Amino acid sequence: MRFKLLILSLLVSLLISCKTFDPYVTLESKQIENLLKKAPATTTQETDCKKLSVGEINTLLQNIASIPEEPVDFKEVAVLETNFGPVILAFYPDKAPRHCAAFKRLVKAGFYDCTRFHRIIPEFVIQGGDILTRDDDPFNDGTGGPGYNLPAEFNDLQHGAGMLSMARAQDINSAGSQFFICLSRERTSFLDGKYTVFGKVIGGLENVLKIAAVQTAPLQPGGEPSYPVQEVYINRAYMLKR
């Protein structure tokens, strides 16, 4: 009888914990530390982030096709290990399932490893995810993608500090791999309903702000003064389940 009561108590506790689990609560430092202990054993150092040739980039793009697109679970997170510290992302698979699954696929394919944040605008966004930041031509940064486009999944999530959204060209269905992390609500509210929000920073927002503070300049005369003078890398990216 006592054993049955113990089992029943454990089941009730489990049900309560499941109901109260909030995937979007900001993680405390100890939680981040414990989560990062689950990281894959292999590491990519900043010194390993060599430039890629056109052929090597094309091979990487072709390899994406061998990675199945899988749905993202609410308990899954992506970790971006940047040279400014880790950034942990939770996802909204109920709001933008295709964008979440595509991001997970690119992470698993190693697509984001060694790519750079190529566009930084204080109090607006930091933007990355372009494979062409790995070649030796800085003037094409911001023009690359995974070789396919995603249909828009506009939803009721608001852009604001720490929110993850997908960049695109003028065509609303032209998103691919480039993403941006918002730095404020005031300067990004006009993006609501025009860009697909699909995730949120739940750990390492202080590292996002460090990246946002990097000095920038125009890449060419008359250009947008948003190109980081100091290179900001994603050393590696990987998925973890909490």
C-alpha atoms as a PDB file:
ATOM      1  CA  MET A   1       0.000   0.000   0.000  1.00  0.00           C
ATOM      2  CA  ARG A   2       2.815   2.371   0.958  1.00  0.00           C
ATOM      3  CA  PHE A   3       4.582   1.587  -2.330  1.00  0.00           C
ATOM      4  CA  LYS A   4       1.426   2.397  -4.320  1.00  0.00           C
ATOM      5  CA  LEU A   5       1.071   5.719  -2.508  1.00  0.00           C
ATOM      6  CA  LEU A   6       4.697   6.518  -3.294  1.00  0.00           C
ATOM      7  CA  ILE A   7       4.177   5.787  -6.993  1.00  0.00           C
ATOM      8  CA  LEU A   8       0.993   7.861  -7.023  1.00  0.00           C
ATOM      9  CA  SER A   9       2.825  10.749  -5.350  1.00  0.00           C
ATOM     10  CA  LEU A  10       5.614  10.594  -7.931  1.00  0.00           C
ATOM     11  CA  LEU A  11       3.101  10.592 -10.788  1.00  0.00           C
ATOM     12  CA  VAL A  12       1.291  13.601  -9.343  1.00  0.00           C
ATOM     13  CA  SER A  13       4.605  15.443  -8.943  1.00  0.00           C
ATOM     14  CA  LEU A  14       5.506  14.615 -12.529  1.00  0.00           C
ATOM     15  CA  LEU A  15       2.178  15.886 -13.841  1.00  0.00           C
ATOM     16  CA  ILE A  16       2.537  19.093 -11.859  1.00  0.00           C
ATOM     17  CA  SER A  17       6.072  19.666 -13.122  1.00  0.00           C
ATOM     18  CA  CYS A  18       4.968  19.081 -16.714  1.00  0.00           C
ATOM     19  CA  LYS A  19       2.134  21.556 -16.355  1.00  0.00           C
ATOM     20  CA  THR A  20       4.339  24.208 -14.801  1.00  0.00           C
ATOM     21  CA  PHE A  21       7.246  23.842 -17.232  1.00  0.00           C
ATOM     22  CA  ASP A  22       7.756  27.131 -19.058  1.00  0.00           C
ATOM     23  CA  PRO A  23      10.296  26.827 -21.903  1.00  0.00           C
ATOM     24  CA  TYR A  24      10.723  30.596 -22.173  1.00  0.00           C
ATOM     25  CA  VAL A  25      11.771  31.465 -18.623  1.00  0.00           C
ATOM     26  CA  THR A  26      15.223  33.046 -18.471  1.00  0.00           C
ATOM     27  CA  LEU A  27      17.737  30.528 -17.174  1.00  0.00           C
ATOM     28  CA  GLU A  28      19.787  31.256 -14.084  1.00  0.00           C
ATOM     29  CA  SER A  29      23.581  30.985 -14.248  1.00  0.00           C
ATOM     30  CA  LYS A  30      23.621  27.596 -12.494  1.00  0.00           C
ATOM     31  CA  GLN A  31      20.994  26.253 -14.904  1.00  0.00           C
ATOM     32  CA  ILE A  32      23.079  27.440 -17.845  1.00  0.00           C
ATOM     33  CA  GLU A  33      26.168  25.835 -16.358  1.00  0.00           C
ATOM     34  CA  ASN A  34      24.370  22.497 -15.921  1.00  0.00           C
ATOM     35  CA  LEU A  35      22.883  22.675 -19.409  1.00  0.00           C
ATOM     36  CA  LEU A  36      26.241  23.328 -21.050  1.00  0.00           C
ATOM     37  CA  LYS A  37      27.623  20.225 -19.354  1.00  0.00           C
ATOM     38  CA  LYS A  38      25.499  18.285 -21.855  1.00  0.00           C
ATOM     39  CA  ALA A  39      27.335  19.842 -24.799  1.00  0.00           C
ATOM     40  CA  PRO A  40      28.904  17.526 -27.381  1.00  0.00           C
ATOM     41  CA  ALA A  41      32.460  16.534 -26.503  1.00  0.00           C
ATOM     42  CA  THR A  42      34.007  17.903 -29.684  1.00  0.00           C
ATOM     43  CA  THR A  43      34.767  21.612 -29.752  1.00  0.00           C
ATOM     44  CA  THR A  44      35.449  24.068 -32.526  1.00  0.00           C
ATOM     45  CA  GLN A  45      37.943  26.714 -31.525  1.00  0.00           C
ATOM     46  CA  GLU A  46      38.023  30.159 -33.073  1.00  0.00           C
ATOM     47  CA  THR A  47      41.358  29.228 -34.674  1.00  0.00           C
ATOM     48  CA  ASP A  48      39.614  26.356 -36.511  1.00  0.00           C
ATOM     49  CA  CYS A  49      37.300  28.798 -38.299  1.00  0.00           C
ATOM     50  CA  LYS A  50      39.270  29.000 -41.525  1.00  0.00           C
ATOM     51  CA  LYS A  51      37.979  30.607 -44.683  1.00  0.00           C
ATOM     52  CA  LEU A  52      36.132  28.318 -47.082  1.00  0.00           C
ATOM     53  CA  SER A  53      36.458  28.134 -50.838  1.00  0.00           C
ATOM     54  CA  VAL A  54      33.436  28.312 -53.135  1.00  0.00           C
ATOM     55  CA  GLY A  55      33.691  24.553 -53.623  1.00  0.00           C
ATOM     56  CA  GLU A  56      33.765  23.871 -49.885  1.00  0.00           C
ATOM     57  CA  ILE A  57      30.730  26.073 -49.325  1.00  0.00           C
ATOM     58  CA  ASN A  58      28.843  24.286 -52.104  1.00  0.00           C
ATOM     59  CA  THR A  59      29.713  20.922 -50.573  1.00  0.00           C
ATOM     60  CA  LEU A  60      28.371  22.084 -47.217  1.00  0.00           C
ATOM     61  CA  LEU A  61      25.158  23.250 -48.870  1.00  0.00           C
ATOM     62  CA  GLN A  62      24.774  19.890 -50.613  1.00  0.00           C
ATOM     63  CA  ASN A  63      25.243  18.071 -47.293  1.00  0.00           C
ATOM     64  CA  ILE A  64      22.190  19.811 -45.850  1.00  0.00           C
ATOM     65  CA  ALA A  65      20.014  17.576 -48.008  1.00  0.00           C
ATOM     66  CA  SER A  66      21.276  14.518 -46.089  1.00  0.00           C
ATOM     67  CA  ILE A  67      20.020  15.929 -42.779  1.00  0.00           C
ATOM     68  CA  PRO A  68      16.317  15.178 -42.234  1.00  0.00           C
ATOM     69  CA  GLU A  69      14.083  18.042 -41.194  1.00  0.00           C
ATOM     70  CA  GLU A  70      12.669  17.174 -37.780  1.00  0.00           C
ATOM     71  CA  PRO A  71      10.145  19.034 -35.625  1.00  0.00           C
ATOM     72  CA  VAL A  72      11.465  20.907 -32.599  1.00  0.00           C
ATOM     73  CA  ASP A  73      10.320  19.857 -29.136  1.00  0.00           C
ATOM     74  CA  PHE A  74       9.444  22.554 -26.594  1.00  0.00           C
ATOM     75  CA  LYS A  75      12.209  21.227 -24.343  1.00  0.00           C
ATOM     76  CA  GLU A  76      14.862  21.554 -27.051  1.00  0.00           C
ATOM     77  CA  VAL A  77      17.209  24.513 -27.164  1.00  0.00           C
ATOM     78  CA  ALA A  78      19.969  25.633 -29.506  1.00  0.00           C
ATOM     79  CA  VAL A  79      23.281  26.760 -28.095  1.00  0.00           C
ATOM     80  CA  LEU A  80      25.353  29.251 -30.066  1.00  0.00           C
ATOM     81  CA  GLU A  81      28.892  29.257 -28.709  1.00  0.00           C
ATOM     82  CA  THR A  82      30.169  32.667 -29.744  1.00  0.00           C
ATOM     83  CA  ASN A  83      33.550  34.231 -29.067  1.00  0.00           C
ATOM     84  CA  PHE A  84      31.653  36.499 -26.646  1.00  0.00           C
ATOM     85  CA  GLY A  85      30.098  33.613 -24.720  1.00  0.00           C
ATOM     86  CA  PRO A  86      27.157  31.208 -25.144  1.00  0.00           C
ATOM     87  CA  VAL A  87      23.696  32.235 -26.303  1.00  0.00           C
ATOM     88  CA  ILE A  88      20.855  29.803 -25.591  1.00  0.00           C
ATOM     89  CA  LEU A  89      17.727  29.849 -27.731  1.00  0.00           C
ATOM     90  CA  ALA A  90      14.295  28.377 -27.001  1.00  0.00           C
ATOM     91  CA  PHE A  91      11.790  27.885 -29.838  1.00  0.00           C
ATOM     92  CA  TYR A  92       8.111  28.390 -30.642  1.00  0.00           C
ATOM     93  CA  PRO A  93       7.262  25.280 -32.704  1.00  0.00           C
ATOM     94  CA  ASP A  94       3.549  25.966 -32.235  1.00  0.00           C
ATOM     95  CA  LYS A  95       3.902  29.401 -33.864  1.00  0.00           C
ATOM     96  CA  ALA A  96       6.470  28.764 -36.615  1.00  0.00           C
ATOM     97  CA  PRO A  97       7.035  24.995 -36.967  1.00  0.00           C
ATOM     98  CA  ARG A  98       8.788  25.134 -40.332  1.00  0.00           C
ATOM     99  CA  HIS A  99      11.231  27.872 -39.282  1.00  0.00           C
ATOM    100  CA  CYS A 100      12.063  26.007 -36.059  1.00  0.00           C
ATOM    101  CA  ALA A 101      12.630  22.720 -37.884  1.00  0.00           C
ATOM    102  CA  ALA A 102      14.744  24.405 -40.575  1.00  0.00           C
ATOM    103  CA  PHE A 103      16.917  26.123 -37.960  1.00  0.00           C
ATOM    104  CA  LYS A 104      17.419  22.813 -36.135  1.00  0.00           C
ATOM    105  CA  ARG A 105      18.364  21.136 -39.407  1.00  0.00           C
ATOM    106  CA  LEU A 106      20.991  23.774 -40.182  1.00  0.00           C
ATOM    107  CA  VAL A 107      22.406  23.528 -36.670  1.00  0.00           C
ATOM    108  CA  LYS A 108      22.729  19.746 -36.982  1.00  0.00           C
ATOM    109  CA  ALA A 109      24.348  20.118 -40.407  1.00  0.00           C
ATOM    110  CA  GLY A 110      27.049  22.366 -38.941  1.00  0.00           C
ATOM    111  CA  PHE A 111      25.898  25.189 -41.189  1.00  0.00           C
ATOM    112  CA  TYR A 112      26.189  27.879 -38.519  1.00  0.00           C
ATOM    113  CA  ASP A 113      29.597  26.808 -37.224  1.00  0.00           C
ATOM    114  CA  CYS A 114      32.193  29.545 -37.773  1.00  0.00           C
ATOM    115  CA  THR A 115      29.725  31.939 -39.400  1.00  0.00           C
ATOM    116  CA  ARG A 116      29.859  35.561 -38.272  1.00  0.00           C
ATOM    117  CA  PHE A 117      27.417  38.160 -37.085  1.00  0.00           C
ATOM    118  CA  HIS A 118      27.791  40.493 -40.052  1.00  0.00           C
ATOM    119  CA  ARG A 119      25.261  43.199 -39.158  1.00  0.00           C
ATOM    120  CA  ILE A 120      25.072  44.976 -35.809  1.00  0.00           C
ATOM    121  CA  ILE A 121      22.849  47.965 -35.105  1.00  0.00           C
ATOM    122  CA  PRO A 122      22.698  49.108 -31.453  1.00  0.00           C
ATOM    123  CA  GLU A 123      19.240  48.907 -29.860  1.00  0.00           C
ATOM    124  CA  PHE A 124      17.939  47.274 -33.053  1.00  0.00           C
ATOM    125  CA  VAL A 125      19.400  43.856 -34.009  1.00  0.00           C
ATOM    126  CA  ILE A 126      22.431  41.646 -34.350  1.00  0.00           C
ATOM    127  CA  GLN A 127      22.197  39.531 -37.503  1.00  0.00           C
ATOM    128  CA  GLY A 128      24.016  36.370 -38.529  1.00  0.00           C
ATOM    129  CA  GLY A 129      23.569  32.998 -40.185  1.00  0.00           C
ATOM    130  CA  ASP A 130      25.119  33.744 -43.595  1.00  0.00           C
ATOM    131  CA  ILE A 131      27.444  31.003 -44.893  1.00  0.00           C
ATOM    132  CA  LEU A 132      29.148  33.547 -47.155  1.00  0.00           C
ATOM    133  CA  THR A 133      30.716  35.154 -44.089  1.00  0.00           C
ATOM    134  CA  ARG A 134      33.056  32.150 -44.248  1.00  0.00           C
ATOM    135  CA  ASP A 135      34.549  32.986 -47.651  1.00  0.00           C
ATOM    136  CA  ASP A 136      37.247  35.593 -48.290  1.00  0.00           C
ATOM    137  CA  ASP A 137      34.929  38.222 -49.800  1.00  0.00           C
ATOM    138  CA  PRO A 138      33.432  40.535 -47.155  1.00  0.00           C
ATOM    139  CA  PHE A 139      31.389  42.383 -49.779  1.00  0.00           C
ATOM    140  CA  ASN A 140      28.992  39.448 -50.266  1.00  0.00           C
ATOM    141  CA  ASP A 141      28.243  39.110 -46.538  1.00  0.00           C
ATOM    142  CA  GLY A 142      24.512  39.278 -45.990  1.00  0.00           C
ATOM    143  CA  THR A 143      23.618  37.788 -49.375  1.00  0.00           C
ATOM    144  CA  GLY A 144      23.993  34.054 -48.684  1.00  0.00           C
ATOM    145  CA  GLY A 145      21.562  31.352 -47.657  1.00  0.00           C
ATOM    146  CA  PRO A 146      21.051  27.582 -47.446  1.00  0.00           C
ATOM    147  CA  GLY A 147      19.968  27.108 -51.062  1.00  0.00           C
ATOM    148  CA  TYR A 148      16.211  27.129 -50.396  1.00  0.00           C
ATOM    149  CA  ASN A 149      13.545  29.512 -49.105  1.00  0.00           C
ATOM    150  CA  LEU A 150      11.024  29.188 -46.313  1.00  0.00           C
ATOM    151  CA  PRO A 151       7.382  30.249 -46.555  1.00  0.00           C
ATOM    152  CA  ALA A 152       6.487  33.038 -44.150  1.00  0.00           C
ATOM    153  CA  GLU A 153       4.949  31.980 -40.829  1.00  0.00           C
ATOM    154  CA  PHE A 154       3.867  35.355 -39.482  1.00  0.00           C
ATOM    155  CA  ASN A 155       2.296  35.014 -36.048  1.00  0.00           C
ATOM    156  CA  ASP A 156       1.214  36.966 -32.983  1.00  0.00           C
ATOM    157  CA  LEU A 157       4.630  36.930 -31.303  1.00  0.00           C
ATOM    158  CA  GLN A 158       6.107  40.390 -30.882  1.00  0.00           C
ATOM    159  CA  HIS A 159       9.602  41.482 -31.757  1.00  0.00           C
ATOM    160  CA  GLY A 160      11.435  42.757 -28.706  1.00  0.00           C
ATOM    161  CA  ALA A 161      14.620  42.400 -26.688  1.00  0.00           C
ATOM    162  CA  GLY A 162      15.935  38.843 -26.949  1.00  0.00           C
ATOM    163  CA  MET A 163      13.445  37.637 -29.548  1.00  0.00           C
ATOM    164  CA  LEU A 164      14.735  35.529 -32.459  1.00  0.00           C
ATOM    165  CA  SER A 165      13.382  36.258 -35.932  1.00  0.00           C
ATOM    166  CA  MET A 166      14.282  35.237 -39.474  1.00  0.00           C
ATOM    167  CA  ALA A 167      15.711  37.728 -41.931  1.00  0.00           C
ATOM    168  CA  ARG A 168      14.473  37.831 -45.503  1.00  0.00           C
ATOM    169  CA  ALA A 169      14.651  39.805 -48.737  1.00  0.00           C
ATOM    170  CA  GLN A 170      11.749  41.804 -50.177  1.00  0.00           C
ATOM    171  CA  ASP A 171       9.798  38.635 -50.994  1.00  0.00           C
ATOM    172  CA  ILE A 172       8.007  37.595 -47.799  1.00  0.00           C
ATOM    173  CA  ASN A 173       8.765  33.940 -48.621  1.00  0.00           C
ATOM    174  CA  SER A 174      12.517  34.423 -49.077  1.00  0.00           C
ATOM    175  CA  ALA A 175      13.783  33.542 -45.577  1.00  0.00           C
ATOM    176  CA  GLY A 176      16.485  30.893 -45.410  1.00  0.00           C
ATOM    177  CA  SER A 177      19.255  30.775 -42.821  1.00  0.00           C
ATOM    178  CA  GLN A 178      19.935  34.357 -41.800  1.00  0.00           C
ATOM    179  CA  PHE A 179      18.444  35.291 -38.459  1.00  0.00           C
ATOM    180  CA  PHE A 180      18.480  38.266 -36.149  1.00  0.00           C
ATOM    181  CA  ILE A 181      18.190  38.761 -32.410  1.00  0.00           C
ATOM    182  CA  CYS A 182      16.309  41.880 -31.362  1.00  0.00           C
ATOM    183  CA  LEU A 183      17.857  44.333 -28.927  1.00  0.00           C
ATOM    184  CA  SER A 184      14.801  46.402 -27.984  1.00  0.00           C
ATOM    185  CA  ARG A 185      11.047  46.571 -28.413  1.00  0.00           C
ATOM    186  CA  GLU A 186      11.006  50.259 -29.319  1.00  0.00           C
ATOM    187  CA  ARG A 187      13.101  49.908 -32.477  1.00  0.00           C
ATOM    188  CA  THR A 188      11.763  46.542 -33.667  1.00  0.00           C
ATOM    189  CA  SER A 189       8.009  46.807 -33.087  1.00  0.00           C
ATOM    190  CA  PHE A 190       7.432  47.797 -36.736  1.00  0.00           C
ATOM    191  CA  LEU A 191       8.681  44.317 -37.762  1.00  0.00           C
ATOM    192  CA  ASP A 192       5.653  42.595 -36.192  1.00  0.00           C
ATOM    193  CA  GLY A 193       3.646  40.673 -38.758  1.00  0.00           C
ATOM    194  CA  LYS A 194       6.316  41.247 -41.409  1.00  0.00           C
ATOM    195  CA  TYR A 195       9.063  38.899 -40.214  1.00  0.00           C
ATOM    196  CA  THR A 196       8.715  35.474 -38.640  1.00  0.00           C
ATOM    197  CA  VAL A 197       9.506  35.337 -34.923  1.00  0.00           C
ATOM    198  CA  PHE A 198      10.380  31.737 -34.014  1.00  0.00           C
ATOM    199  CA  GLY A 199      12.499  31.782 -30.867  1.00  0.00           C
ATOM    200  CA  LYS A 200      13.785  33.623 -27.825  1.00  0.00           C
ATOM    201  CA  VAL A 201      17.068  34.046 -25.985  1.00  0.00           C
ATOM    202  CA  ILE A 202      16.684  32.382 -22.576  1.00  0.00           C
ATOM    203  CA  GLY A 203      20.355  32.399 -21.645  1.00  0.00           C
ATOM    204  CA  GLY A 204      23.323  34.607 -22.463  1.00  0.00           C
ATOM    205  CA  LEU A 205      21.423  37.787 -23.251  1.00  0.00           C
ATOM    206  CA  GLU A 206      24.338  39.635 -21.647  1.00  0.00           C
ATOM    207  CA  ASN A 207      26.562  38.126 -24.349  1.00  0.00           C
ATOM    208  CA  VAL A 208      24.163  39.338 -27.036  1.00  0.00           C
ATOM    209  CA  LEU A 209      24.502  42.825 -25.567  1.00  0.00           C
ATOM    210  CA  LYS A 210      28.296  42.519 -25.620  1.00  0.00           C
ATOM    211  CA  ILE A 211      28.097  41.692 -29.324  1.00  0.00           C
ATOM    212  CA  ALA A 212      25.750  44.634 -29.840  1.00  0.00           C
ATOM    213  CA  ALA A 213      28.386  46.929 -28.323  1.00  0.00           C
ATOM    214  CA  VAL A 214      31.105  45.983 -30.814  1.00  0.00           C
ATOM    215  CA  GLN A 215      32.369  48.891 -32.890  1.00  0.00           C
ATOM    216  CA  THR A 216      30.962  48.981 -36.418  1.00  0.00           C
ATOM    217  CA  ALA A 217      31.632  50.861 -39.639  1.00  0.00           C
ATOM    218  CA  PRO A 218      30.384  50.968 -43.248  1.00  0.00           C
ATOM    219  CA  LEU A 219      31.771  48.121 -45.328  1.00  0.00           C
ATOM    220  CA  GLN A 220      32.109  50.547 -48.209  1.00  0.00           C
ATOM    221  CA  PRO A 221      31.715  54.339 -48.567  1.00  0.00           C
ATOM    222  CA  GLY A 222      28.112  55.431 -48.113  1.00  0.00           C
ATOM    223  CA  GLY A 223      27.044  52.052 -46.795  1.00  0.00           C
ATOM    224  CA  GLU A 224      25.161  51.204 -43.617  1.00  0.00           C
ATOM    225  CA  PRO A 225      27.546  51.622 -40.656  1.00  0.00           C
ATOM    226  CA  SER A 226      26.689  48.187 -39.270  1.00  0.00           C
ATOM    227  CA  TYR A 227      29.636  45.970 -40.243  1.00  0.00           C
ATOM    228  CA  PRO A 228      31.565  44.884 -37.116  1.00  0.00           C
ATOM    229  CA  VAL A 229      35.165  46.048 -37.033  1.00  0.00           C
ATOM    230  CA  GLN A 230      35.943  43.141 -34.713  1.00  0.00           C
ATOM    231  CA  GLU A 231      34.895  39.744 -36.052  1.00  0.00           C
ATOM    232  CA  VAL A 232      32.140  38.084 -34.027  1.00  0.00           C
ATOM    233  CA  TYR A 233      31.959  34.330 -34.551  1.00  0.00           C
ATOM    234  CA  ILE A 234      29.596  31.515 -33.759  1.00  0.00           C
ATOM    235  CA  ASN A 235      32.341  29.007 -33.002  1.00  0.00           C
ATOM    236  CA  ARG A 236      29.822  26.175 -33.082  1.00  0.00           C
ATOM    237  CA  ALA A 237      26.102  25.566 -32.678  1.00  0.00           C
ATOM    238  CA  TYR A 238      24.322  22.502 -31.346  1.00  0.00           C
ATOM    239  CA  MET A 239      20.940  21.319 -30.101  1.00  0.00           C
ATOM    240  CA  LEU A 240      20.285  20.118 -26.538  1.00  0.00           C
ATOM    241  CA  LYS A 241      17.216  18.760 -24.787  1.00  0.00           C
ATOM    242  CA  ARG A 242      16.449  19.909 -21.254  1.00  0.00           C
END
